[in-house]
N, C-alpha and C. Protein backbone atom coordinates (compact mmCIF):
# COMPACT_ATOMS: atom_id res chain seq x y z
N UNK A 1 0.96 -1.31 -0.16
CA UNK A 1 -0.16 0.05 -0.07
C UNK A 1 0.88 1.20 -0.06
N UNK A 2 0.61 2.24 -0.89
CA UNK A 2 1.25 3.55 -1.09
C UNK A 2 0.62 4.37 0.22
N UNK A 3 1.53 5.44 0.40
CA UNK A 3 1.16 6.35 1.34
C UNK A 3 0.68 7.52 0.55
N UNK A 4 -0.29 8.11 0.72
CA UNK A 4 -1.08 9.54 -0.06
C UNK A 4 0.06 10.78 0.61
N UNK A 5 0.56 11.85 -0.21
CA UNK A 5 1.22 12.82 0.20
C UNK A 5 -0.05 13.55 0.67
N UNK A 6 0.53 14.48 1.64
CA UNK A 6 -0.68 15.66 2.08
C UNK A 6 -0.35 16.84 1.13
N UNK A 7 -1.47 17.22 0.48
CA UNK A 7 -1.58 18.38 -0.23
C UNK A 7 -1.68 19.49 0.67
N UNK A 8 -1.39 20.66 -0.07
CA UNK A 8 -1.80 22.08 0.84
C UNK A 8 -2.95 22.25 0.58
N UNK A 9 -3.58 22.75 1.77
CA UNK A 9 -5.30 22.97 1.93
C UNK A 9 -5.40 24.29 2.07
N UNK A 10 -5.89 25.31 1.24
CA UNK A 10 -6.28 26.69 1.66
C UNK A 10 -7.88 26.81 2.26
N UNK A 11 -8.75 25.97 1.92
CA UNK A 11 -9.93 25.70 2.34
C UNK A 11 -11.12 26.61 1.28
N UNK A 12 -10.18 27.28 0.42
CA UNK A 12 -11.16 28.00 -0.75
C UNK A 12 -12.00 27.00 -1.50
N UNK A 13 -12.92 27.27 -2.26
CA UNK A 13 -13.63 26.23 -3.24
C UNK A 13 -12.74 25.91 -4.20
N UNK A 14 -12.63 24.28 -4.59
CA UNK A 14 -11.88 23.85 -5.35
C UNK A 14 -12.50 23.69 -6.47
N UNK A 15 -11.60 23.74 -7.59
CA UNK A 15 -11.99 24.36 -9.25
C UNK A 15 -11.27 23.21 -9.97
N UNK A 16 -10.61 22.64 -9.38
CA UNK A 16 -9.83 21.32 -10.41
C UNK A 16 -9.98 20.22 -9.53
N UNK A 17 -10.04 18.86 -10.13
CA UNK A 17 -9.79 17.41 -9.61
C UNK A 17 -8.76 17.01 -10.15
N UNK A 18 -7.95 16.38 -9.32
CA UNK A 18 -6.59 15.90 -9.83
C UNK A 18 -6.83 14.36 -9.48
N UNK A 19 -6.71 13.21 -10.55
CA UNK A 19 -7.02 12.06 -10.27
C UNK A 19 -5.57 11.58 -9.98
N UNK A 20 -5.62 10.73 -9.18
CA UNK A 20 -4.21 10.19 -8.61
C UNK A 20 -4.05 8.70 -8.95
N UNK A 21 -3.29 8.44 -9.78
CA UNK A 21 -2.85 6.89 -10.02
C UNK A 21 -1.65 6.20 -9.57
N UNK A 22 -1.91 5.19 -9.30
CA UNK A 22 -0.59 4.05 -9.05
C UNK A 22 -0.70 2.91 -10.06
N UNK A 23 0.16 2.47 -10.72
CA UNK A 23 0.05 1.12 -11.19
C UNK A 23 -1.21 0.95 -12.18
N UNK A 24 -1.70 2.14 -12.97
CA UNK A 24 -2.93 1.78 -14.00
C UNK A 24 -4.10 1.64 -12.90
N UNK A 25 -4.36 2.29 -11.50
CA UNK A 25 -5.05 2.13 -10.92
C UNK A 25 -5.71 3.47 -10.55
N UNK A 26 -6.83 3.78 -10.60
CA UNK A 26 -7.40 5.04 -10.10
C UNK A 26 -7.65 5.09 -8.29
N UNK A 27 -6.73 5.45 -7.68
CA UNK A 27 -6.82 5.23 -6.27
C UNK A 27 -7.12 6.52 -5.33
N UNK A 28 -7.23 7.63 -5.86
CA UNK A 28 -7.81 9.12 -5.11
C UNK A 28 -7.84 10.03 -6.18
N UNK A 29 -9.02 11.01 -5.71
CA UNK A 29 -8.92 12.49 -6.38
C UNK A 29 -8.58 13.70 -5.07
N UNK A 30 -7.86 14.53 -5.53
CA UNK A 30 -7.40 15.38 -4.96
C UNK A 30 -8.11 16.78 -5.29
N UNK A 31 -8.81 17.50 -4.63
CA UNK A 31 -9.56 18.72 -5.06
C UNK A 31 -8.80 19.95 -4.63
N UNK A 32 -8.42 20.83 -5.60
CA UNK A 32 -7.70 21.99 -5.35
C UNK A 32 -8.22 23.58 -6.21
N UNK A 33 -7.82 24.53 -5.40
CA UNK A 33 -8.13 25.63 -6.07
C UNK A 33 -7.22 25.85 -7.31
N UNK A 34 -7.31 26.78 -8.09
CA UNK A 34 -6.46 27.13 -9.21
C UNK A 34 -5.22 27.37 -8.86
N UNK A 35 -5.03 28.03 -7.65
CA UNK A 35 -3.54 28.57 -7.31
C UNK A 35 -2.78 27.26 -6.57
N UNK A 36 -3.18 26.42 -6.38
CA UNK A 36 -2.79 25.09 -5.72
C UNK A 36 -2.40 23.83 -6.61
N UNK A 37 -3.26 24.05 -8.07
CA UNK A 37 -2.93 22.67 -8.87
C UNK A 37 -1.67 22.51 -9.21
N UNK A 38 -0.84 23.37 -9.28
CA UNK A 38 0.44 22.84 -9.99
C UNK A 38 1.43 22.36 -8.65
N UNK A 39 1.09 22.83 -7.41
CA UNK A 39 2.17 22.51 -6.55
C UNK A 39 1.44 20.91 -6.12
N UNK A 40 -0.01 20.60 -5.91
CA UNK A 40 -0.47 19.59 -5.50
C UNK A 40 0.01 18.29 -6.43
N UNK A 41 0.11 18.97 -7.97
CA UNK A 41 0.43 17.80 -8.82
C UNK A 41 2.13 17.53 -8.72
N UNK A 42 3.24 18.42 -8.07
CA UNK A 42 4.26 18.27 -8.03
C UNK A 42 4.40 17.24 -6.78
N UNK A 43 3.64 17.55 -5.71
CA UNK A 43 3.74 16.58 -4.58
C UNK A 43 3.34 15.35 -4.80
N UNK A 44 2.30 15.07 -5.71
CA UNK A 44 1.86 13.96 -6.08
C UNK A 44 2.70 12.90 -6.88
N UNK A 45 3.40 13.70 -7.88
CA UNK A 45 4.47 13.19 -8.74
C UNK A 45 5.79 12.69 -7.77
N UNK A 46 6.13 13.52 -7.11
CA UNK A 46 7.23 13.51 -6.25
C UNK A 46 6.88 12.09 -5.37
N UNK A 47 5.86 11.83 -5.10
CA UNK A 47 5.46 10.51 -4.06
C UNK A 47 5.37 9.47 -5.18
N UNK A 48 5.69 9.73 -6.39
CA UNK A 48 5.74 8.35 -7.33
C UNK A 48 4.42 7.93 -7.63
N UNK A 49 3.35 8.76 -7.93
CA UNK A 49 2.43 8.53 -8.46
C UNK A 49 1.87 9.58 -9.67
N UNK A 50 1.07 9.14 -10.41
CA UNK A 50 0.69 9.79 -11.57
C UNK A 50 -0.40 10.70 -11.25
N UNK A 51 -0.40 11.94 -11.79
CA UNK A 51 -1.38 13.25 -11.46
C UNK A 51 -1.96 13.52 -12.54
N UNK A 52 -3.38 13.32 -12.89
CA UNK A 52 -3.87 13.71 -14.09
C UNK A 52 -5.16 14.84 -13.67
N UNK A 53 -4.74 16.31 -13.97
CA UNK A 53 -5.81 17.42 -13.92
C UNK A 53 -6.94 17.06 -14.59
N UNK A 54 -8.08 17.26 -13.75
CA UNK A 54 -9.29 17.19 -14.87
C UNK A 54 -10.32 18.23 -14.12
N UNK A 55 -11.04 18.83 -15.06
CA UNK A 55 -12.08 19.66 -14.59
C UNK A 55 -13.22 19.12 -13.46
N UNK A 56 -14.04 20.23 -13.21
CA UNK A 56 -14.92 19.54 -11.82
C UNK A 56 -16.45 19.34 -12.50
N UNK A 57 -17.07 18.49 -12.10
CA UNK A 57 -18.47 18.91 -12.73
C UNK A 57 -19.00 20.06 -11.60
N UNK A 58 -19.92 20.76 -12.28
CA UNK A 58 -20.57 21.78 -11.65
C UNK A 58 -21.29 21.43 -10.45
N UNK A 59 -21.87 20.34 -10.28
CA UNK A 59 -22.71 20.18 -8.92
C UNK A 59 -21.64 19.53 -7.78
N UNK A 60 -20.52 19.70 -7.93
CA UNK A 60 -19.48 19.20 -6.89
C UNK A 60 -19.04 20.27 -6.19
N UNK A 61 -19.13 20.24 -4.97
CA UNK A 61 -18.63 21.20 -4.06
C UNK A 61 -17.49 20.75 -2.85
N UNK A 62 -16.20 20.95 -3.08
CA UNK A 62 -15.28 20.48 -2.53
C UNK A 62 -14.45 21.70 -2.23
N UNK A 63 -13.91 21.59 -0.81
CA UNK A 63 -12.97 22.71 -0.35
C UNK A 63 -11.43 22.19 -0.99
N UNK A 64 -10.48 23.07 -1.59
CA UNK A 64 -9.28 22.95 -1.60
C UNK A 64 -8.65 22.28 -0.59
N UNK A 65 -7.99 20.97 -1.04
CA UNK A 65 -7.12 20.32 0.06
C UNK A 65 -7.72 18.87 0.24
N UNK A 66 -9.04 18.89 -0.01
CA UNK A 66 -10.06 17.55 0.17
C UNK A 66 -9.45 16.55 -0.74
N UNK A 67 -9.30 15.35 -0.15
CA UNK A 67 -9.03 14.35 -0.81
C UNK A 67 -9.91 13.03 -0.62
N UNK A 68 -10.46 12.42 -1.54
CA UNK A 68 -11.12 11.29 -1.49
C UNK A 68 -10.46 9.94 -2.24
N UNK A 69 -10.21 9.08 -1.17
CA UNK A 69 -9.47 7.88 -1.39
C UNK A 69 -10.51 6.82 -1.88
N UNK A 70 -10.27 6.01 -2.84
CA UNK A 70 -11.28 5.04 -3.34
C UNK A 70 -10.96 4.06 -2.53
N UNK A 71 -11.92 3.23 -2.18
CA UNK A 71 -11.77 2.04 -1.30
C UNK A 71 -11.04 0.87 -2.07
N UNK A 72 -11.53 0.58 -3.25
CA UNK A 72 -10.90 -0.38 -4.35
C UNK A 72 -9.35 -0.01 -4.63
N UNK A 73 -8.97 1.00 -4.34
CA UNK A 73 -7.65 1.46 -4.90
C UNK A 73 -6.39 0.89 -3.86
N UNK A 74 -5.24 1.00 -4.50
CA UNK A 74 -4.05 0.69 -3.56
C UNK A 74 -3.74 1.56 -2.41
N UNK A 75 -4.39 2.64 -2.13
CA UNK A 75 -4.01 3.59 -1.18
C UNK A 75 -5.21 3.33 -0.05
N UNK A 76 -6.11 2.51 -0.15
CA UNK A 76 -7.18 2.00 0.70
C UNK A 76 -6.60 1.29 1.90
N UNK A 77 -6.98 1.56 2.94
CA UNK A 77 -6.70 0.74 4.10
C UNK A 77 -7.55 -0.34 4.05
N UNK A 78 -6.90 -1.60 4.23
CA UNK A 78 -7.59 -2.84 4.17
C UNK A 78 -7.72 -3.47 5.44
N UNK A 79 -8.88 -4.28 5.81
CA UNK A 79 -9.00 -4.72 7.33
C UNK A 79 -7.85 -5.94 7.10
N UNK A 80 -7.45 -6.13 8.61
CA UNK A 80 -6.33 -6.92 8.74
C UNK A 80 -6.83 -8.26 8.64
N UNK A 81 -8.22 -8.95 8.69
CA UNK A 81 -8.47 -10.05 8.74
C UNK A 81 -8.67 -10.43 7.33
N UNK A 82 -9.13 -9.46 6.41
CA UNK A 82 -9.38 -9.78 5.06
C UNK A 82 -8.87 -8.78 3.91
N UNK A 83 -8.10 -9.40 3.18
CA UNK A 83 -7.73 -8.61 2.20
C UNK A 83 -8.32 -8.49 0.77
N UNK A 84 -8.63 -7.67 0.42
CA UNK A 84 -9.64 -7.75 -0.88
C UNK A 84 -8.93 -7.29 -2.17
N UNK A 85 -9.19 -7.85 -3.13
CA UNK A 85 -8.61 -7.42 -4.45
C UNK A 85 -9.20 -6.06 -5.02
N UNK A 86 -8.64 -5.34 -5.83
CA UNK A 86 -8.98 -3.85 -5.97
C UNK A 86 -10.47 -3.92 -6.69
N UNK A 87 -10.94 -4.91 -7.42
CA UNK A 87 -11.92 -4.90 -7.90
C UNK A 87 -13.02 -4.96 -7.11
N UNK A 88 -13.11 -5.48 -5.70
CA UNK A 88 -13.85 -6.16 -5.06
C UNK A 88 -14.77 -5.23 -4.53
N UNK A 89 -16.18 -5.25 -4.24
CA UNK A 89 -16.96 -4.57 -3.90
C UNK A 89 -17.05 -4.49 -2.37
N UNK A 90 -16.12 -5.42 -1.63
CA UNK A 90 -16.21 -5.34 -0.16
C UNK A 90 -17.27 -5.61 0.61
N UNK A 91 -18.43 -5.89 0.06
CA UNK A 91 -19.55 -6.22 0.75
C UNK A 91 -20.06 -7.66 0.97
N UNK A 92 -20.04 -8.23 2.26
CA UNK A 92 -20.38 -9.34 2.52
C UNK A 92 -19.31 -10.51 1.95
N UNK A 93 -18.27 -10.41 1.77
CA UNK A 93 -17.20 -11.46 1.12
C UNK A 93 -17.16 -12.71 2.04
N UNK A 94 -16.99 -12.37 3.68
CA UNK A 94 -16.98 -13.42 4.51
C UNK A 94 -18.24 -14.44 4.08
N UNK A 95 -19.37 -13.87 4.22
CA UNK A 95 -20.89 -14.45 4.00
C UNK A 95 -20.50 -15.55 3.03
N UNK A 96 -20.55 -14.93 1.83
CA UNK A 96 -20.35 -15.36 0.37
C UNK A 96 -19.48 -16.27 0.20
N UNK A 97 -18.23 -16.29 0.82
CA UNK A 97 -17.01 -17.06 0.62
C UNK A 97 -16.21 -16.73 -0.60
N UNK A 98 -16.37 -15.60 -1.10
CA UNK A 98 -15.56 -15.11 -2.20
C UNK A 98 -15.59 -13.80 -2.36
N UNK A 99 -14.56 -13.22 -2.90
CA UNK A 99 -14.80 -11.82 -3.44
C UNK A 99 -15.70 -11.76 -4.62
N UNK A 100 -16.31 -10.51 -4.66
CA UNK A 100 -17.17 -10.47 -5.92
C UNK A 100 -17.09 -8.90 -6.12
N UNK A 101 -16.85 -8.47 -7.60
CA UNK A 101 -16.89 -7.61 -8.10
C UNK A 101 -18.56 -6.72 -8.28
N UNK A 102 -18.74 -5.63 -8.53
CA UNK A 102 -19.90 -5.07 -8.70
C UNK A 102 -20.59 -6.03 -9.94
N UNK A 103 -21.74 -6.70 -10.21
CA UNK A 103 -22.19 -7.44 -11.12
C UNK A 103 -22.48 -6.08 -12.51
N UNK A 104 -22.20 -6.56 -13.52
CA UNK A 104 -22.45 -5.60 -14.57
C UNK A 104 -23.50 -6.03 -15.43
N UNK A 105 -24.72 -5.54 -15.60
CA UNK A 105 -25.90 -6.23 -16.33
C UNK A 105 -25.79 -5.79 -17.90
N UNK A 106 -25.95 -6.94 -18.78
CA UNK A 106 -26.03 -6.73 -19.84
C UNK A 106 -27.11 -6.32 -20.60
N UNK A 107 -27.21 -5.07 -20.57
CA UNK A 107 -28.44 -4.41 -21.08
C UNK A 107 -28.41 -4.02 -22.52
N UNK A 108 -29.29 -4.38 -23.21
CA UNK A 108 -29.10 -4.02 -24.86
C UNK A 108 -30.52 -3.21 -25.07
N UNK A 109 -31.15 -2.50 -23.89
CA UNK A 109 -32.25 -1.54 -24.27
C UNK A 109 -33.23 -2.22 -24.93
N UNK A 110 -33.69 -3.58 -25.21
CA UNK A 110 -34.40 -4.10 -25.92
C UNK A 110 -34.91 -5.30 -25.21
N UNK A 111 -36.19 -6.02 -25.06
CA UNK A 111 -36.61 -6.90 -24.10
C UNK A 111 -35.93 -8.31 -24.86
N UNK A 112 -35.23 -9.08 -23.77
CA UNK A 112 -34.64 -10.30 -24.00
C UNK A 112 -35.08 -11.51 -23.20
N UNK A 113 -34.76 -12.37 -23.71
CA UNK A 113 -35.23 -13.89 -23.19
C UNK A 113 -34.59 -14.11 -21.87
N UNK A 114 -33.25 -13.66 -21.67
CA UNK A 114 -32.52 -13.93 -20.34
C UNK A 114 -32.16 -12.84 -19.93
N UNK A 115 -31.72 -12.77 -18.53
CA UNK A 115 -31.24 -11.50 -17.82
C UNK A 115 -29.75 -12.07 -17.80
N UNK A 116 -28.90 -11.45 -18.02
CA UNK A 116 -27.53 -11.64 -17.86
C UNK A 116 -26.61 -10.60 -17.28
N UNK A 117 -25.99 -11.40 -16.34
CA UNK A 117 -24.80 -10.33 -15.57
C UNK A 117 -23.46 -11.07 -15.59
N UNK A 118 -22.38 -10.23 -15.54
CA UNK A 118 -21.13 -10.64 -15.80
C UNK A 118 -20.32 -9.79 -14.42
N UNK A 119 -19.43 -10.59 -13.73
CA UNK A 119 -18.83 -10.07 -12.51
C UNK A 119 -17.60 -11.00 -12.56
N UNK A 120 -16.53 -10.27 -11.57
CA UNK A 120 -15.14 -10.89 -11.48
C UNK A 120 -15.66 -11.71 -10.12
N UNK A 121 -15.11 -12.89 -9.76
CA UNK A 121 -15.33 -13.55 -8.36
C UNK A 121 -13.64 -14.16 -7.88
N UNK A 122 -13.73 -14.13 -7.07
CA UNK A 122 -12.42 -15.13 -6.35
C UNK A 122 -12.72 -15.46 -5.06
N UNK A 123 -12.18 -16.87 -4.92
CA UNK A 123 -12.22 -17.55 -3.43
C UNK A 123 -11.46 -16.55 -2.51
N UNK A 124 -12.00 -17.00 -1.22
CA UNK A 124 -11.04 -15.96 -0.23
C UNK A 124 -9.51 -16.48 -0.10
N UNK A 125 -9.18 -17.59 -0.49
CA UNK A 125 -7.95 -18.21 -0.49
C UNK A 125 -7.11 -17.32 -1.06
N UNK A 126 -5.88 -16.88 -0.50
CA UNK A 126 -4.90 -15.91 -0.84
C UNK A 126 -4.15 -16.44 -2.35
N UNK A 127 -4.11 -17.67 -2.61
CA UNK A 127 -3.68 -18.13 -3.67
C UNK A 127 -4.83 -18.52 -5.07
N UNK A 128 -5.97 -17.98 -4.72
CA UNK A 128 -7.22 -18.19 -5.53
C UNK A 128 -6.99 -17.56 -6.72
N UNK A 129 -7.09 -17.74 -7.89
CA UNK A 129 -7.30 -16.93 -8.90
C UNK A 129 -8.61 -16.24 -9.31
N UNK A 130 -8.32 -14.81 -9.79
CA UNK A 130 -9.95 -14.57 -10.21
C UNK A 130 -10.50 -15.24 -11.35
N UNK A 131 -11.83 -15.18 -11.48
CA UNK A 131 -12.57 -15.86 -12.60
C UNK A 131 -13.56 -14.94 -13.15
N UNK A 132 -14.09 -15.18 -14.16
CA UNK A 132 -15.30 -14.31 -14.58
C UNK A 132 -16.86 -15.00 -14.50
N UNK A 133 -17.52 -14.62 -13.69
CA UNK A 133 -18.88 -15.18 -13.57
C UNK A 133 -19.79 -14.72 -14.71
N UNK A 134 -20.65 -15.52 -15.62
CA UNK A 134 -21.89 -14.97 -16.35
C UNK A 134 -22.73 -16.04 -15.87
N UNK A 135 -23.84 -15.02 -15.25
CA UNK A 135 -25.19 -15.31 -14.70
C UNK A 135 -26.22 -15.04 -15.67
N UNK A 136 -27.14 -16.21 -15.71
CA UNK A 136 -28.06 -15.78 -16.65
C UNK A 136 -29.29 -16.08 -15.61
N UNK A 137 -30.51 -15.43 -16.02
CA UNK A 137 -31.84 -15.62 -15.29
C UNK A 137 -32.96 -15.65 -16.22
N UNK A 138 -33.78 -16.62 -16.23
CA UNK A 138 -35.04 -16.74 -16.72
C UNK A 138 -36.01 -17.08 -16.05
N UNK A 139 -36.74 -16.39 -15.49
CA UNK A 139 -38.10 -16.63 -14.59
C UNK A 139 -37.31 -17.01 -13.21
N UNK A 140 -37.66 -17.87 -12.55
CA UNK A 140 -37.02 -18.26 -11.34
C UNK A 140 -35.69 -19.34 -11.37
N UNK A 141 -35.46 -19.53 -12.70
CA UNK A 141 -34.07 -20.52 -13.13
C UNK A 141 -32.75 -19.69 -13.12
N UNK A 142 -31.59 -19.78 -12.47
CA UNK A 142 -30.30 -19.18 -12.61
C UNK A 142 -29.43 -20.18 -12.89
N UNK A 143 -28.58 -19.81 -13.89
CA UNK A 143 -27.46 -20.65 -14.45
C UNK A 143 -26.09 -19.75 -14.16
N UNK A 144 -25.00 -20.21 -13.78
CA UNK A 144 -23.85 -19.40 -13.66
C UNK A 144 -22.87 -20.39 -14.33
N UNK A 145 -21.91 -19.75 -15.12
CA UNK A 145 -20.74 -20.46 -15.68
C UNK A 145 -19.83 -19.54 -15.09
N UNK A 146 -18.75 -20.32 -14.72
CA UNK A 146 -17.16 -19.53 -14.49
C UNK A 146 -16.13 -19.97 -15.32
N UNK A 147 -15.58 -18.82 -15.86
CA UNK A 147 -14.50 -18.91 -16.54
C UNK A 147 -13.19 -18.45 -16.13
N UNK A 148 -12.16 -18.96 -16.67
CA UNK A 148 -10.75 -18.56 -16.09
C UNK A 148 -10.81 -17.24 -16.82
N UNK A 149 -9.90 -16.16 -16.38
CA UNK A 149 -9.50 -15.06 -17.15
C UNK A 149 -9.09 -15.28 -18.40
N UNK A 150 -8.20 -16.31 -18.73
CA UNK A 150 -7.67 -16.51 -20.04
C UNK A 150 -8.99 -16.99 -21.04
N UNK A 151 -9.71 -17.89 -20.38
CA UNK A 151 -11.15 -18.41 -21.08
C UNK A 151 -11.73 -16.99 -21.54
N UNK A 152 -12.02 -16.17 -20.56
CA UNK A 152 -12.81 -14.84 -20.90
C UNK A 152 -11.96 -13.94 -21.94
N UNK A 153 -10.82 -13.87 -21.81
CA UNK A 153 -10.10 -13.28 -22.95
C UNK A 153 -10.31 -13.65 -24.21
N UNK A 154 -10.06 -15.02 -24.62
CA UNK A 154 -10.17 -15.89 -25.77
C UNK A 154 -11.73 -15.43 -26.30
N UNK A 155 -12.82 -15.53 -25.32
CA UNK A 155 -14.07 -15.59 -25.16
C UNK A 155 -14.44 -14.16 -26.16
N UNK A 156 -13.88 -13.01 -25.54
CA UNK A 156 -14.11 -11.71 -25.79
C UNK A 156 -13.35 -11.53 -27.29
N UNK A 157 -12.70 -12.26 -27.63
CA UNK A 157 -12.16 -11.96 -29.22
C UNK A 157 -12.75 -12.76 -30.00
N UNK A 158 -13.33 -14.00 -29.62
CA UNK A 158 -14.24 -14.90 -30.28
C UNK A 158 -15.53 -14.31 -30.69
N UNK A 159 -15.98 -13.65 -29.67
CA UNK A 159 -17.48 -13.09 -30.00
C UNK A 159 -17.25 -11.81 -30.71
N UNK A 160 -16.16 -11.11 -30.63
CA UNK A 160 -15.88 -9.99 -31.68
C UNK A 160 -15.63 -10.25 -33.00
N UNK A 161 -15.24 -11.62 -33.17
CA UNK A 161 -15.11 -12.07 -34.37
C UNK A 161 -16.40 -12.38 -35.04
N UNK A 162 -17.34 -13.02 -34.05
CA UNK A 162 -18.81 -13.63 -34.43
C UNK A 162 -19.47 -12.19 -34.65
N UNK A 163 -19.50 -11.02 -33.89
CA UNK A 163 -20.26 -10.03 -34.16
C UNK A 163 -19.71 -9.27 -35.45
N UNK A 164 -18.67 -9.27 -35.88
CA UNK A 164 -17.87 -8.71 -37.09
C UNK A 164 -18.83 -9.63 -38.30
N UNK A 165 -18.81 -10.68 -37.97
CA UNK A 165 -19.38 -11.22 -39.44
C UNK A 165 -21.06 -11.00 -39.39
N UNK A 166 -21.61 -10.50 -38.77
CA UNK A 166 -22.89 -10.26 -38.96
C UNK A 166 -23.18 -8.82 -39.31
N UNK A 167 -22.04 -8.08 -39.76
CA UNK A 167 -21.99 -6.53 -40.50
C UNK A 167 -22.42 -6.87 -41.98
N UNK A 168 -22.89 -6.02 -42.36
CA UNK A 168 -23.23 -6.25 -43.72
C UNK A 168 -21.90 -5.36 -44.53
N UNK A 169 -21.59 -6.28 -45.73
CA UNK A 169 -20.34 -5.82 -46.37
C UNK A 169 -20.65 -5.78 -47.78
N UNK A 170 -19.80 -5.35 -48.63
CA UNK A 170 -20.20 -4.82 -50.15
C UNK A 170 -19.46 -6.16 -50.64
N UNK A 171 -20.09 -6.97 -51.44
CA UNK A 171 -19.79 -8.50 -51.89
C UNK A 171 -20.29 -8.32 -53.41
N UNK A 172 -19.36 -8.08 -54.43
CA UNK A 172 -19.56 -8.11 -55.77
C UNK A 172 -20.74 -7.29 -56.28
N UNK A 173 -20.74 -6.04 -55.64
CA UNK A 173 -21.71 -4.96 -56.23
C UNK A 173 -23.04 -5.10 -55.24
N UNK A 174 -23.13 -6.21 -54.27
CA UNK A 174 -24.40 -6.29 -53.47
C UNK A 174 -24.02 -5.96 -52.21
N UNK A 175 -24.78 -5.68 -51.42
CA UNK A 175 -24.59 -5.53 -49.81
C UNK A 175 -25.11 -6.86 -49.42
N UNK A 176 -24.17 -7.49 -48.56
CA UNK A 176 -24.64 -8.76 -47.96
C UNK A 176 -24.31 -8.74 -46.33
């Protein structure tokens, strides 16, 4: 776990959000006024993190110096009895007996025969590998398919190829 540097704080309304990254992980956001943006960015970079200043949404009200640490990032404090992967939603892992990411619903904005969700899961054992869980529901029947990350990666490419085959192409002057 990395240590978050302490940014300067003047308490004025923040006008810039700085996203703080470590190893391709969005770990925190620091909020600054225009006068402190360069200084906070320098402090973050000096601590070995990547800093990416971005604009703030108009409905967000934060003081300069406020820092939000994401619970799934490497800067989050982990409970001593149970360490979680970055993607874990950290809710009820012990009862379920596994870590689980938030389920992503495959919504096509049209009625479908099955409800399908996809999520990452991992047994609580430290040596366990993450798996991809595909869950389908039809009425009261539920089916779950667990794929290794390697199988899911290959499936992604195979599905992309199959979907590409359904696209219309020009064939001898006619669209097929």
